[in-house]
């Protein structure tokens, strides 16, 4: 988060090599912790969606990928019976949808 903030505060994009490093680290940690199981691959997919999410420049794109990411994590939480995660993921989904409705509709009106 600090690295992302430093790049963002300087108005710079995250370098592709850093996104690749994030992706490799997420894959390695998930396999090391979860083993090679279907739930591990769901967690890896969620992490890869997160990497896509943080690489977005456009707020609308970021919200879409955030919704997808948290939907996948919600499915993971239910399948792994880790229901506490839903307390985080569901509000994020709700606020992202609300943000999409409010901000993206305003932007659409400005463009027309």
C-alpha atoms as a PDB file:
ATOM      1  CA  UNK A   1       0.000   0.000   0.000  1.00  0.00           C
ATOM      2  CA  UNK A   2       2.843   2.400   0.800  1.00  0.00           C
ATOM      3  CA  UNK A   3       4.543   1.710  -2.519  1.00  0.00           C
ATOM      4  CA  UNK A   4       1.271   2.252  -4.377  1.00  0.00           C
ATOM      5  CA  UNK A   5       0.722   5.504  -2.473  1.00  0.00           C
ATOM      6  CA  UNK A   6       4.209   6.783  -3.295  1.00  0.00           C
ATOM      7  CA  UNK A   7       3.696   6.252  -7.011  1.00  0.00           C
ATOM      8  CA  UNK A   8       0.173   7.689  -6.902  1.00  0.00           C
ATOM      9  CA  UNK A   9       1.233  10.788  -4.944  1.00  0.00           C
ATOM     10  CA  UNK A  10       3.812  11.542  -7.628  1.00  0.00           C
ATOM     11  CA  UNK A  11       1.237  11.046 -10.385  1.00  0.00           C
ATOM     12  CA  UNK A  12       3.088   8.021 -11.725  1.00  0.00           C
ATOM     13  CA  UNK A  13       1.728   4.678 -12.850  1.00  0.00           C
ATOM     14  CA  UNK A  14       2.759   1.518 -11.085  1.00  0.00           C
ATOM     15  CA  UNK A  15       5.554  -0.008 -13.160  1.00  0.00           C
ATOM     16  CA  UNK A  16       4.712  -3.211 -15.014  1.00  0.00           C
ATOM     17  CA  UNK A  17       7.606  -5.008 -13.289  1.00  0.00           C
ATOM     18  CA  UNK A  18       6.088  -4.147  -9.897  1.00  0.00           C
ATOM     19  CA  UNK A  19       2.674  -5.468 -10.959  1.00  0.00           C
ATOM     20  CA  UNK A  20       4.413  -8.647 -12.153  1.00  0.00           C
ATOM     21  CA  UNK A  21       6.224  -8.934  -8.836  1.00  0.00           C
ATOM     22  CA  UNK A  22       2.925  -8.547  -6.979  1.00  0.00           C
ATOM     23  CA  UNK A  23       1.355 -11.270  -9.132  1.00  0.00           C
ATOM     24  CA  UNK A  24       4.241 -13.704  -8.601  1.00  0.00           C
ATOM     25  CA  UNK A  25       4.309 -13.024  -4.862  1.00  0.00           C
ATOM     26  CA  UNK A  26       0.551 -13.577  -4.538  1.00  0.00           C
ATOM     27  CA  UNK A  27       0.777 -16.868  -6.441  1.00  0.00           C
ATOM     28  CA  UNK A  28       3.749 -18.104  -4.392  1.00  0.00           C
ATOM     29  CA  UNK A  29       2.232 -17.163  -1.031  1.00  0.00           C
ATOM     30  CA  UNK A  30      -1.157 -18.684  -1.861  1.00  0.00           C
ATOM     31  CA  UNK A  31       0.371 -21.983  -2.961  1.00  0.00           C
ATOM     32  CA  UNK A  32       2.738 -22.040   0.022  1.00  0.00           C
ATOM     33  CA  UNK A  33      -0.073 -21.396   2.496  1.00  0.00           C
ATOM     34  CA  UNK A  34      -3.025 -23.121   0.822  1.00  0.00           C
ATOM     35  CA  UNK A  35      -1.374 -25.899  -1.131  1.00  0.00           C
ATOM     36  CA  UNK A  36      -2.622 -26.980  -4.542  1.00  0.00           C
ATOM     37  CA  UNK A  37      -6.381 -27.049  -4.000  1.00  0.00           C
ATOM     38  CA  UNK A  38      -9.375 -25.597  -5.840  1.00  0.00           C
ATOM     39  CA  UNK A  39      -9.834 -22.921  -3.134  1.00  0.00           C
ATOM     40  CA  UNK A  40      -6.211 -21.895  -3.567  1.00  0.00           C
ATOM     41  CA  UNK A  41      -6.839 -21.257  -7.253  1.00  0.00           C
ATOM     42  CA  UNK A  42      -9.887 -19.155  -6.373  1.00  0.00           C
ATOM     43  CA  UNK A  43      -7.698 -17.128  -3.994  1.00  0.00           C
ATOM     44  CA  UNK A  44      -5.052 -16.761  -6.715  1.00  0.00           C
ATOM     45  CA  UNK A  45      -7.709 -15.600  -9.194  1.00  0.00           C
ATOM     46  CA  UNK A  46      -8.910 -13.052  -6.634  1.00  0.00           C
ATOM     47  CA  UNK A  47      -5.354 -11.817  -6.112  1.00  0.00           C
ATOM     48  CA  UNK A  48      -4.782 -11.490  -9.853  1.00  0.00           C
ATOM     49  CA  UNK A  49      -7.996  -9.457 -10.142  1.00  0.00           C
ATOM     50  CA  UNK A  50      -6.621  -7.252  -7.355  1.00  0.00           C
ATOM     51  CA  UNK A  51      -3.426  -6.685  -9.355  1.00  0.00           C
ATOM     52  CA  UNK A  52      -5.575  -5.691 -12.350  1.00  0.00           C
ATOM     53  CA  UNK A  53      -7.620  -3.442 -10.047  1.00  0.00           C
ATOM     54  CA  UNK A  54      -4.650  -1.483  -8.707  1.00  0.00           C
ATOM     55  CA  UNK A  55      -3.302  -1.001 -12.214  1.00  0.00           C
ATOM     56  CA  UNK A  56      -6.429   0.898 -13.334  1.00  0.00           C
ATOM     57  CA  UNK A  57      -6.128   4.644 -13.828  1.00  0.00           C
ATOM     58  CA  UNK A  58      -9.822   5.279 -14.363  1.00  0.00           C
ATOM     59  CA  UNK A  59     -12.049   5.391 -11.268  1.00  0.00           C
ATOM     60  CA  UNK A  60     -14.899   3.641 -13.056  1.00  0.00           C
ATOM     61  CA  UNK A  61     -12.637   0.765 -14.115  1.00  0.00           C
ATOM     62  CA  UNK A  62     -11.247   0.567 -10.590  1.00  0.00           C
ATOM     63  CA  UNK A  63     -14.760   0.240  -9.142  1.00  0.00           C
ATOM     64  CA  UNK A  64     -15.710  -2.530 -11.605  1.00  0.00           C
ATOM     65  CA  UNK A  65     -12.580  -4.542 -10.801  1.00  0.00           C
ATOM     66  CA  UNK A  66     -13.097  -3.921  -7.075  1.00  0.00           C
ATOM     67  CA  UNK A  67     -16.614  -5.367  -7.329  1.00  0.00           C
ATOM     68  CA  UNK A  68     -15.354  -8.421  -9.234  1.00  0.00           C
ATOM     69  CA  UNK A  69     -12.483  -8.895  -6.772  1.00  0.00           C
ATOM     70  CA  UNK A  70     -14.716  -8.731  -3.720  1.00  0.00           C
ATOM     71  CA  UNK A  71     -17.332 -11.012  -5.282  1.00  0.00           C
ATOM     72  CA  UNK A  72     -14.600 -13.629  -5.768  1.00  0.00           C
ATOM     73  CA  UNK A  73     -13.371 -13.151  -2.191  1.00  0.00           C
ATOM     74  CA  UNK A  74     -16.970 -13.477  -0.957  1.00  0.00           C
ATOM     75  CA  UNK A  75     -17.325 -16.789  -2.791  1.00  0.00           C
ATOM     76  CA  UNK A  76     -14.017 -17.873  -1.270  1.00  0.00           C
ATOM     77  CA  UNK A  77     -15.212 -16.872   2.216  1.00  0.00           C
ATOM     78  CA  UNK A  78     -18.425 -18.880   1.858  1.00  0.00           C
ATOM     79  CA  UNK A  79     -16.722 -21.972   0.381  1.00  0.00           C
ATOM     80  CA  UNK A  80     -13.977 -21.938   3.014  1.00  0.00           C
ATOM     81  CA  UNK A  81     -16.510 -21.243   5.785  1.00  0.00           C
ATOM     82  CA  UNK A  82     -14.583 -18.104   6.681  1.00  0.00           C
ATOM     83  CA  UNK A  83     -17.668 -15.967   7.091  1.00  0.00           C
ATOM     84  CA  UNK A  84     -15.843 -13.142   8.884  1.00  0.00           C
ATOM     85  CA  UNK A  85     -14.410 -12.042   5.545  1.00  0.00           C
ATOM     86  CA  UNK A  86     -17.912 -11.263   4.347  1.00  0.00           C
ATOM     87  CA  UNK A  87     -18.056  -8.438   6.908  1.00  0.00           C
ATOM     88  CA  UNK A  88     -15.403  -6.716   4.824  1.00  0.00           C
ATOM     89  CA  UNK A  89     -16.228  -7.799   1.284  1.00  0.00           C
ATOM     90  CA  UNK A  90     -19.972  -7.154   1.252  1.00  0.00           C
ATOM     91  CA  UNK A  91     -19.720  -3.496   2.383  1.00  0.00           C
ATOM     92  CA  UNK A  92     -16.944  -2.899  -0.172  1.00  0.00           C
ATOM     93  CA  UNK A  93     -19.185  -4.335  -2.901  1.00  0.00           C
ATOM     94  CA  UNK A  94     -22.115  -2.183  -1.761  1.00  0.00           C
ATOM     95  CA  UNK A  95     -20.070   1.033  -1.583  1.00  0.00           C
ATOM     96  CA  UNK A  96     -18.409   0.309  -4.928  1.00  0.00           C
ATOM     97  CA  UNK A  97     -21.806  -0.199  -6.577  1.00  0.00           C
ATOM     98  CA  UNK A  98     -23.107   3.008  -4.964  1.00  0.00           C
ATOM     99  CA  UNK A  99     -19.964   4.843  -6.114  1.00  0.00           C
ATOM    100  CA  UNK A 100     -20.452   3.468  -9.609  1.00  0.00           C
ATOM    101  CA  UNK A 101     -24.044   4.687  -9.667  1.00  0.00           C
ATOM    102  CA  UNK A 102     -23.282   8.145  -8.245  1.00  0.00           C
ATOM    103  CA  UNK A 103     -19.950   9.064  -9.841  1.00  0.00           C
ATOM    104  CA  UNK A 104     -20.158   7.236 -13.135  1.00  0.00           C
ATOM    105  CA  UNK A 105     -23.653   8.567 -13.827  1.00  0.00           C
ATOM    106  CA  UNK A 106     -22.378  12.118 -13.169  1.00  0.00           C
ATOM    107  CA  UNK A 107     -19.464  11.531 -15.534  1.00  0.00           C
ATOM    108  CA  UNK A 108     -21.815  10.128 -18.200  1.00  0.00           C
ATOM    109  CA  UNK A 109     -23.998  13.259 -17.934  1.00  0.00           C
ATOM    110  CA  UNK A 110     -20.939  15.512 -18.294  1.00  0.00           C
ATOM    111  CA  UNK A 111     -19.910  13.700 -21.470  1.00  0.00           C
ATOM    112  CA  UNK A 112     -23.318  14.042 -23.121  1.00  0.00           C
END
